[in-house]
Amino acid sequence: MNDDAILQRLSELEIELPPAPKPVASYVTVRLAGDTAFVAGQVPLVDGSVLHPGHLGEGGVTAEHGAEAARRAAIQALSALREALGGSFERLVQLSQVTVYLATTPDFTGHPAVANGASDLFVEVLGDAGKHARAAVGMASLPLGASVEVTVTALIS
């Protein structure tokens, strides 16, 4: 993909890529394997703090908050991917799979709306190359008390 075009699209959307996230435990942020890039789970951070922590469906953490958090995590995933590809999106062919993990109450059912925060961002920025298969999975808890975590698998050249 054209790095300049993606950076221009991000600018049009008034999105600034944050510095690529660093691992908070024993893993790498992105693993390149042949023609595939695996981006480790991203929890949404703003200035070092988790955006909308807690459980969706409890304590005022709404599906809208979750979608905003998923969008932020997706932005971080793009930043991590760009850094792993040598500081450019030139080698990115398309996204293949996105998994959105949600910390939820047992009766929460808004998984698709929350996951759309990440999915919509990827399509807004990457166009057709941002379309992907997806899973949205409810969990009892997530790292750092986050309400959302996003992983990405991408096809690269």
N, C-alpha and C. Protein backbone atom coordinates (compact mmCIF):
# COMPACT_ATOMS: atom_id res chain seq x y z
N MET A 1 0.85 -1.17 0.00
CA MET A 1 0.00 0.00 0.00
C MET A 1 0.89 1.24 0.00
N ASN A 2 0.36 2.32 -0.41
CA ASN A 2 1.11 3.56 -0.48
C ASN A 2 1.14 4.24 0.89
N ASP A 3 2.32 4.35 1.48
CA ASP A 3 2.47 4.94 2.80
C ASP A 3 1.95 6.38 2.83
N ASP A 4 2.32 7.17 1.83
CA ASP A 4 1.88 8.57 1.80
C ASP A 4 0.36 8.68 1.74
N ALA A 5 -0.28 7.82 0.97
CA ALA A 5 -1.74 7.85 0.84
C ALA A 5 -2.41 7.50 2.18
N ILE A 6 -1.85 6.53 2.88
CA ILE A 6 -2.43 6.16 4.18
C ILE A 6 -2.23 7.28 5.19
N LEU A 7 -1.04 7.87 5.21
CA LEU A 7 -0.79 8.99 6.12
C LEU A 7 -1.70 10.17 5.79
N GLN A 8 -1.94 10.40 4.49
CA GLN A 8 -2.85 11.47 4.08
C GLN A 8 -4.27 11.18 4.55
N ARG A 9 -4.70 9.92 4.41
CA ARG A 9 -6.05 9.55 4.85
C ARG A 9 -6.17 9.72 6.35
N LEU A 10 -5.15 9.32 7.11
CA LEU A 10 -5.17 9.52 8.57
C LEU A 10 -5.29 11.01 8.89
N SER A 11 -4.57 11.84 8.17
CA SER A 11 -4.65 13.28 8.39
C SER A 11 -6.05 13.81 8.10
N GLU A 12 -6.64 13.36 6.99
CA GLU A 12 -8.01 13.77 6.65
C GLU A 12 -8.99 13.41 7.75
N LEU A 13 -8.76 12.26 8.39
CA LEU A 13 -9.64 11.80 9.48
C LEU A 13 -9.25 12.40 10.83
N GLU A 14 -8.23 13.27 10.79
CA GLU A 14 -7.72 13.91 12.01
C GLU A 14 -7.26 12.89 13.04
N ILE A 15 -6.56 11.86 12.53
CA ILE A 15 -6.00 10.81 13.38
C ILE A 15 -4.49 10.90 13.32
N GLU A 16 -3.88 11.01 14.48
CA GLU A 16 -2.43 11.00 14.57
C GLU A 16 -2.00 9.66 15.13
N LEU A 17 -1.13 8.97 14.41
CA LEU A 17 -0.63 7.70 14.92
C LEU A 17 0.23 7.97 16.15
N PRO A 18 -0.07 7.29 17.25
CA PRO A 18 0.77 7.45 18.43
C PRO A 18 2.09 6.71 18.22
N PRO A 19 3.07 6.95 19.10
CA PRO A 19 4.28 6.12 19.01
C PRO A 19 3.87 4.64 19.10
N ALA A 20 4.61 3.80 18.40
CA ALA A 20 4.30 2.37 18.43
C ALA A 20 4.34 1.88 19.87
N PRO A 21 3.33 1.10 20.27
CA PRO A 21 3.27 0.61 21.65
C PRO A 21 4.40 -0.36 21.94
N LYS A 22 4.82 -0.37 23.19
CA LYS A 22 5.84 -1.31 23.65
C LYS A 22 5.15 -2.42 24.44
N PRO A 23 5.71 -3.62 24.41
CA PRO A 23 5.12 -4.72 25.18
C PRO A 23 5.11 -4.41 26.68
N VAL A 24 4.06 -4.87 27.36
CA VAL A 24 3.99 -4.68 28.81
C VAL A 24 4.29 -5.98 29.55
N ALA A 25 4.68 -7.02 28.82
CA ALA A 25 5.01 -8.31 29.42
C ALA A 25 5.99 -9.03 28.48
N SER A 26 6.06 -10.34 28.58
CA SER A 26 7.02 -11.14 27.82
C SER A 26 6.47 -11.56 26.45
N TYR A 27 6.47 -10.64 25.49
CA TYR A 27 6.03 -10.90 24.13
C TYR A 27 6.57 -9.80 23.24
N VAL A 28 6.42 -9.96 21.95
CA VAL A 28 6.77 -8.90 21.00
C VAL A 28 5.48 -8.27 20.50
N THR A 29 5.55 -7.01 20.13
CA THR A 29 4.36 -6.29 19.70
C THR A 29 3.86 -6.78 18.35
N VAL A 30 4.79 -7.11 17.45
CA VAL A 30 4.43 -7.63 16.13
C VAL A 30 5.41 -8.75 15.79
N ARG A 31 4.89 -9.85 15.28
CA ARG A 31 5.73 -10.95 14.78
C ARG A 31 5.49 -11.06 13.28
N LEU A 32 6.58 -10.89 12.52
CA LEU A 32 6.53 -11.08 11.08
C LEU A 32 6.92 -12.51 10.78
N ALA A 33 6.12 -13.21 9.99
CA ALA A 33 6.38 -14.61 9.64
C ALA A 33 6.00 -14.81 8.18
N GLY A 34 7.01 -14.82 7.32
CA GLY A 34 6.72 -14.95 5.89
C GLY A 34 5.90 -13.79 5.38
N ASP A 35 4.74 -14.09 4.82
CA ASP A 35 3.88 -13.03 4.28
C ASP A 35 2.77 -12.62 5.25
N THR A 36 3.01 -12.85 6.55
CA THR A 36 2.00 -12.55 7.55
C THR A 36 2.59 -11.73 8.69
N ALA A 37 1.83 -10.76 9.15
CA ALA A 37 2.20 -9.98 10.33
C ALA A 37 1.12 -10.21 11.39
N PHE A 38 1.56 -10.58 12.58
CA PHE A 38 0.66 -10.80 13.71
C PHE A 38 0.88 -9.67 14.71
N VAL A 39 -0.13 -8.84 14.93
CA VAL A 39 -0.03 -7.75 15.88
C VAL A 39 -0.62 -8.22 17.20
N ALA A 40 0.20 -8.15 18.25
CA ALA A 40 -0.23 -8.57 19.58
C ALA A 40 -1.40 -7.72 20.06
N GLY A 41 -2.11 -8.25 21.04
CA GLY A 41 -3.27 -7.55 21.58
C GLY A 41 -2.95 -6.14 22.03
N GLN A 42 -3.76 -5.21 21.57
CA GLN A 42 -3.60 -3.80 21.94
C GLN A 42 -4.77 -3.39 22.83
N VAL A 43 -4.44 -2.93 24.02
CA VAL A 43 -5.46 -2.31 24.87
C VAL A 43 -5.38 -0.81 24.64
N PRO A 44 -6.51 -0.12 24.66
CA PRO A 44 -6.52 1.30 24.31
C PRO A 44 -5.89 2.16 25.40
N LEU A 45 -4.81 2.83 25.04
CA LEU A 45 -4.11 3.70 25.98
C LEU A 45 -4.08 5.13 25.45
N VAL A 46 -4.29 6.07 26.35
CA VAL A 46 -4.15 7.49 26.04
C VAL A 46 -3.29 8.08 27.15
N ASP A 47 -2.14 8.60 26.76
CA ASP A 47 -1.19 9.17 27.72
C ASP A 47 -0.87 8.20 28.84
N GLY A 48 -0.74 6.92 28.50
CA GLY A 48 -0.35 5.90 29.46
C GLY A 48 -1.47 5.35 30.32
N SER A 49 -2.68 5.85 30.14
CA SER A 49 -3.83 5.37 30.92
C SER A 49 -4.80 4.63 30.02
N VAL A 50 -5.42 3.59 30.57
CA VAL A 50 -6.40 2.81 29.82
C VAL A 50 -7.64 3.66 29.55
N LEU A 51 -8.06 3.69 28.29
CA LEU A 51 -9.28 4.40 27.90
C LEU A 51 -10.50 3.53 28.21
N HIS A 52 -11.44 4.04 28.97
CA HIS A 52 -12.68 3.34 29.34
C HIS A 52 -12.43 1.97 29.97
N PRO A 53 -11.73 1.94 31.10
CA PRO A 53 -11.50 0.66 31.76
C PRO A 53 -12.78 0.11 32.37
N GLY A 54 -12.75 -1.17 32.69
CA GLY A 54 -13.89 -1.81 33.35
C GLY A 54 -14.57 -2.83 32.46
N HIS A 55 -15.78 -3.16 32.86
CA HIS A 55 -16.57 -4.16 32.12
C HIS A 55 -17.70 -3.49 31.38
N LEU A 56 -17.83 -3.82 30.10
CA LEU A 56 -18.94 -3.31 29.32
C LEU A 56 -20.24 -3.82 29.93
N GLY A 57 -21.19 -2.90 30.08
CA GLY A 57 -22.46 -3.27 30.68
C GLY A 57 -22.50 -3.06 32.18
N GLU A 58 -21.43 -2.48 32.74
CA GLU A 58 -21.35 -2.30 34.19
C GLU A 58 -20.60 -1.01 34.50
N GLY A 59 -21.03 -0.32 35.53
CA GLY A 59 -20.29 0.85 35.98
C GLY A 59 -20.24 1.98 34.98
N GLY A 60 -21.22 2.07 34.12
CA GLY A 60 -21.26 3.17 33.16
C GLY A 60 -20.41 2.96 31.92
N VAL A 61 -19.80 1.79 31.74
CA VAL A 61 -19.03 1.52 30.53
C VAL A 61 -20.00 0.99 29.47
N THR A 62 -20.32 1.86 28.52
CA THR A 62 -21.34 1.55 27.52
C THR A 62 -20.73 0.95 26.26
N ALA A 63 -21.60 0.47 25.38
CA ALA A 63 -21.14 -0.03 24.08
C ALA A 63 -20.46 1.09 23.30
N GLU A 64 -20.94 2.32 23.44
CA GLU A 64 -20.31 3.46 22.77
C GLU A 64 -18.89 3.68 23.29
N HIS A 65 -18.72 3.57 24.61
CA HIS A 65 -17.36 3.66 25.18
C HIS A 65 -16.49 2.55 24.62
N GLY A 66 -17.04 1.35 24.56
CA GLY A 66 -16.28 0.21 24.03
C GLY A 66 -15.86 0.42 22.59
N ALA A 67 -16.76 0.96 21.77
CA ALA A 67 -16.43 1.22 20.37
C ALA A 67 -15.31 2.26 20.27
N GLU A 68 -15.36 3.27 21.11
CA GLU A 68 -14.30 4.28 21.13
C GLU A 68 -12.97 3.65 21.55
N ALA A 69 -13.02 2.78 22.54
CA ALA A 69 -11.82 2.08 22.99
C ALA A 69 -11.28 1.16 21.90
N ALA A 70 -12.16 0.45 21.21
CA ALA A 70 -11.74 -0.43 20.13
C ALA A 70 -11.10 0.37 19.00
N ARG A 71 -11.65 1.52 18.70
CA ARG A 71 -11.07 2.41 17.67
C ARG A 71 -9.66 2.82 18.07
N ARG A 72 -9.48 3.20 19.32
CA ARG A 72 -8.15 3.60 19.79
C ARG A 72 -7.17 2.44 19.71
N ALA A 73 -7.60 1.26 20.12
CA ALA A 73 -6.73 0.08 20.05
C ALA A 73 -6.36 -0.22 18.60
N ALA A 74 -7.28 -0.02 17.68
CA ALA A 74 -7.01 -0.25 16.26
C ALA A 74 -5.96 0.74 15.74
N ILE A 75 -6.04 1.97 16.17
CA ILE A 75 -5.05 2.98 15.79
C ILE A 75 -3.67 2.56 16.30
N GLN A 76 -3.62 2.07 17.52
CA GLN A 76 -2.35 1.59 18.07
C GLN A 76 -1.82 0.40 17.28
N ALA A 77 -2.72 -0.49 16.86
CA ALA A 77 -2.31 -1.64 16.06
C ALA A 77 -1.69 -1.18 14.74
N LEU A 78 -2.28 -0.16 14.11
CA LEU A 78 -1.71 0.36 12.87
C LEU A 78 -0.32 0.95 13.12
N SER A 79 -0.17 1.64 14.21
CA SER A 79 1.13 2.22 14.56
C SER A 79 2.18 1.12 14.76
N ALA A 80 1.80 0.08 15.48
CA ALA A 80 2.71 -1.04 15.72
C ALA A 80 3.08 -1.73 14.42
N LEU A 81 2.10 -1.93 13.55
CA LEU A 81 2.33 -2.59 12.27
C LEU A 81 3.26 -1.76 11.40
N ARG A 82 3.02 -0.47 11.34
CA ARG A 82 3.87 0.42 10.52
C ARG A 82 5.32 0.36 11.00
N GLU A 83 5.53 0.43 12.30
CA GLU A 83 6.90 0.37 12.81
C GLU A 83 7.56 -0.97 12.47
N ALA A 84 6.82 -2.06 12.65
CA ALA A 84 7.38 -3.39 12.38
C ALA A 84 7.72 -3.57 10.90
N LEU A 85 7.03 -2.85 10.03
CA LEU A 85 7.28 -2.95 8.58
C LEU A 85 8.32 -1.92 8.13
N GLY A 86 9.14 -1.46 9.05
CA GLY A 86 10.23 -0.56 8.70
C GLY A 86 9.85 0.91 8.66
N GLY A 87 8.76 1.27 9.36
CA GLY A 87 8.35 2.67 9.40
C GLY A 87 7.52 3.11 8.21
N SER A 88 6.91 2.18 7.52
CA SER A 88 6.12 2.47 6.34
C SER A 88 5.03 1.41 6.17
N PHE A 89 3.94 1.81 5.52
CA PHE A 89 2.88 0.85 5.19
C PHE A 89 3.09 0.22 3.80
N GLU A 90 4.19 0.50 3.13
CA GLU A 90 4.41 0.03 1.76
C GLU A 90 4.25 -1.48 1.62
N ARG A 91 4.67 -2.26 2.62
CA ARG A 91 4.60 -3.73 2.52
C ARG A 91 3.22 -4.28 2.91
N LEU A 92 2.34 -3.46 3.43
CA LEU A 92 1.01 -3.93 3.83
C LEU A 92 0.16 -4.19 2.59
N VAL A 93 -0.36 -5.41 2.51
CA VAL A 93 -1.23 -5.78 1.39
C VAL A 93 -2.69 -5.63 1.82
N GLN A 94 -3.05 -6.26 2.94
CA GLN A 94 -4.43 -6.17 3.44
C GLN A 94 -4.48 -6.73 4.85
N LEU A 95 -5.52 -6.38 5.56
CA LEU A 95 -5.79 -7.01 6.84
C LEU A 95 -6.54 -8.31 6.56
N SER A 96 -6.23 -9.34 7.33
CA SER A 96 -6.89 -10.62 7.14
C SER A 96 -7.89 -10.92 8.23
N GLN A 97 -7.46 -10.80 9.47
CA GLN A 97 -8.28 -11.18 10.63
C GLN A 97 -8.12 -10.15 11.73
N VAL A 98 -9.22 -9.80 12.35
CA VAL A 98 -9.23 -8.94 13.54
C VAL A 98 -10.02 -9.67 14.61
N THR A 99 -9.45 -9.71 15.81
CA THR A 99 -10.18 -10.26 16.94
C THR A 99 -10.31 -9.16 17.99
N VAL A 100 -11.53 -8.96 18.44
CA VAL A 100 -11.79 -7.95 19.46
C VAL A 100 -12.29 -8.69 20.70
N TYR A 101 -11.51 -8.57 21.77
CA TYR A 101 -11.86 -9.17 23.05
C TYR A 101 -12.52 -8.08 23.89
N LEU A 102 -13.62 -8.44 24.55
CA LEU A 102 -14.36 -7.48 25.35
C LEU A 102 -14.52 -8.00 26.77
N ALA A 103 -14.18 -7.20 27.75
CA ALA A 103 -14.48 -7.52 29.15
C ALA A 103 -15.92 -7.10 29.37
N THR A 104 -16.79 -8.07 29.64
CA THR A 104 -18.22 -7.77 29.72
C THR A 104 -18.87 -8.42 30.93
N THR A 105 -20.05 -7.92 31.22
CA THR A 105 -20.91 -8.60 32.17
C THR A 105 -21.51 -9.80 31.44
N PRO A 106 -21.99 -10.80 32.18
CA PRO A 106 -22.54 -11.99 31.51
C PRO A 106 -23.72 -11.71 30.58
N ASP A 107 -24.46 -10.65 30.84
CA ASP A 107 -25.65 -10.38 30.02
C ASP A 107 -25.41 -9.36 28.90
N PHE A 108 -24.19 -8.89 28.74
CA PHE A 108 -23.88 -7.93 27.68
C PHE A 108 -23.94 -8.63 26.31
N THR A 109 -24.62 -8.00 25.35
CA THR A 109 -24.75 -8.62 24.02
C THR A 109 -24.37 -7.67 22.88
N GLY A 110 -23.75 -6.56 23.22
CA GLY A 110 -23.42 -5.56 22.20
C GLY A 110 -22.06 -5.75 21.54
N HIS A 111 -21.57 -6.97 21.52
CA HIS A 111 -20.24 -7.25 20.96
C HIS A 111 -20.04 -6.69 19.55
N PRO A 112 -20.96 -6.91 18.60
CA PRO A 112 -20.74 -6.41 17.25
C PRO A 112 -20.58 -4.89 17.19
N ALA A 113 -21.39 -4.16 17.93
CA ALA A 113 -21.30 -2.69 17.91
C ALA A 113 -19.97 -2.21 18.46
N VAL A 114 -19.47 -2.86 19.50
CA VAL A 114 -18.18 -2.49 20.06
C VAL A 114 -17.07 -2.80 19.07
N ALA A 115 -17.07 -4.00 18.51
CA ALA A 115 -16.03 -4.41 17.57
C ALA A 115 -16.03 -3.53 16.32
N ASN A 116 -17.18 -2.98 15.95
CA ASN A 116 -17.24 -2.09 14.80
C ASN A 116 -16.35 -0.86 14.98
N GLY A 117 -16.06 -0.49 16.22
CA GLY A 117 -15.15 0.63 16.44
C GLY A 117 -13.81 0.39 15.79
N ALA A 118 -13.30 -0.83 15.90
CA ALA A 118 -12.03 -1.19 15.25
C ALA A 118 -12.24 -1.42 13.76
N SER A 119 -13.25 -2.22 13.41
CA SER A 119 -13.47 -2.57 12.00
C SER A 119 -13.71 -1.35 11.13
N ASP A 120 -14.54 -0.45 11.61
CA ASP A 120 -14.83 0.76 10.83
C ASP A 120 -13.59 1.61 10.64
N LEU A 121 -12.77 1.72 11.67
CA LEU A 121 -11.53 2.49 11.57
C LEU A 121 -10.63 1.92 10.47
N PHE A 122 -10.45 0.60 10.48
CA PHE A 122 -9.58 -0.03 9.48
C PHE A 122 -10.06 0.24 8.06
N VAL A 123 -11.37 0.17 7.83
CA VAL A 123 -11.91 0.42 6.49
C VAL A 123 -11.80 1.91 6.14
N GLU A 124 -12.06 2.80 7.12
CA GLU A 124 -11.93 4.23 6.86
C GLU A 124 -10.52 4.59 6.42
N VAL A 125 -9.53 3.97 7.03
CA VAL A 125 -8.14 4.31 6.76
C VAL A 125 -7.60 3.56 5.54
N LEU A 126 -7.89 2.27 5.43
CA LEU A 126 -7.26 1.42 4.42
C LEU A 126 -8.15 1.08 3.23
N GLY A 127 -9.41 1.46 3.28
CA GLY A 127 -10.32 1.13 2.19
C GLY A 127 -10.55 -0.37 2.11
N ASP A 128 -10.64 -0.91 0.92
CA ASP A 128 -10.91 -2.34 0.75
C ASP A 128 -9.86 -3.21 1.43
N ALA A 129 -8.62 -2.75 1.49
CA ALA A 129 -7.56 -3.52 2.13
C ALA A 129 -7.76 -3.63 3.64
N GLY A 130 -8.63 -2.79 4.18
CA GLY A 130 -8.93 -2.83 5.60
C GLY A 130 -10.07 -3.76 5.96
N LYS A 131 -10.77 -4.29 4.94
CA LYS A 131 -11.86 -5.24 5.20
C LYS A 131 -11.25 -6.56 5.65
N HIS A 132 -11.86 -7.20 6.62
CA HIS A 132 -11.25 -8.36 7.28
C HIS A 132 -12.30 -9.30 7.84
N ALA A 133 -11.88 -10.53 8.10
CA ALA A 133 -12.70 -11.44 8.89
C ALA A 133 -12.57 -11.00 10.35
N ARG A 134 -13.56 -11.34 11.17
CA ARG A 134 -13.52 -10.82 12.54
C ARG A 134 -14.21 -11.76 13.51
N ALA A 135 -13.69 -11.73 14.75
CA ALA A 135 -14.37 -12.35 15.87
C ALA A 135 -14.46 -11.32 16.98
N ALA A 136 -15.55 -11.32 17.71
CA ALA A 136 -15.72 -10.46 18.88
C ALA A 136 -16.10 -11.39 20.03
N VAL A 137 -15.26 -11.42 21.06
CA VAL A 137 -15.37 -12.43 22.10
C VAL A 137 -15.47 -11.78 23.48
N GLY A 138 -16.47 -12.19 24.26
CA GLY A 138 -16.61 -11.70 25.62
C GLY A 138 -15.69 -12.43 26.58
N MET A 139 -15.10 -11.69 27.50
CA MET A 139 -14.14 -12.24 28.46
C MET A 139 -14.50 -11.76 29.88
N ALA A 140 -14.00 -12.50 30.88
CA ALA A 140 -14.20 -12.10 32.27
C ALA A 140 -13.36 -10.89 32.62
N SER A 141 -12.14 -10.81 32.09
CA SER A 141 -11.27 -9.66 32.34
C SER A 141 -10.23 -9.58 31.25
N LEU A 142 -9.58 -8.39 31.15
CA LEU A 142 -8.54 -8.15 30.17
C LEU A 142 -7.35 -7.47 30.84
N PRO A 143 -6.17 -7.49 30.22
CA PRO A 143 -5.00 -6.87 30.81
C PRO A 143 -5.23 -5.41 31.18
N LEU A 144 -4.63 -5.00 32.27
CA LEU A 144 -4.66 -3.62 32.76
C LEU A 144 -6.07 -3.13 33.08
N GLY A 145 -7.03 -4.04 33.18
CA GLY A 145 -8.41 -3.64 33.47
C GLY A 145 -9.13 -3.04 32.28
N ALA A 146 -8.58 -3.24 31.09
CA ALA A 146 -9.18 -2.67 29.87
C ALA A 146 -10.54 -3.30 29.59
N SER A 147 -11.39 -2.54 28.93
CA SER A 147 -12.69 -3.07 28.52
C SER A 147 -12.60 -3.75 27.16
N VAL A 148 -11.53 -3.43 26.39
CA VAL A 148 -11.39 -3.94 25.03
C VAL A 148 -9.91 -4.23 24.74
N GLU A 149 -9.66 -5.25 23.94
CA GLU A 149 -8.33 -5.55 23.42
C GLU A 149 -8.50 -6.00 21.97
N VAL A 150 -7.61 -5.54 21.09
CA VAL A 150 -7.71 -5.82 19.66
C VAL A 150 -6.44 -6.47 19.16
N THR A 151 -6.56 -7.59 18.43
CA THR A 151 -5.44 -8.21 17.73
C THR A 151 -5.70 -8.16 16.23
N VAL A 152 -4.61 -8.16 15.46
CA VAL A 152 -4.71 -8.05 14.00
C VAL A 152 -3.75 -9.03 13.35
N THR A 153 -4.22 -9.66 12.28
CA THR A 153 -3.37 -10.45 11.41
C THR A 153 -3.46 -9.82 10.02
N ALA A 154 -2.28 -9.54 9.43
CA ALA A 154 -2.25 -8.86 8.14
C ALA A 154 -1.40 -9.62 7.14
N LEU A 155 -1.78 -9.52 5.87
CA LEU A 155 -0.99 -10.03 4.76
C LEU A 155 -0.01 -8.95 4.35
N ILE A 156 1.28 -9.32 4.25
CA ILE A 156 2.32 -8.38 3.86
C ILE A 156 3.11 -8.92 2.68
N SER A 157 3.87 -8.04 2.03
CA SER A 157 4.70 -8.48 0.91
C SER A 157 6.17 -8.44 1.31
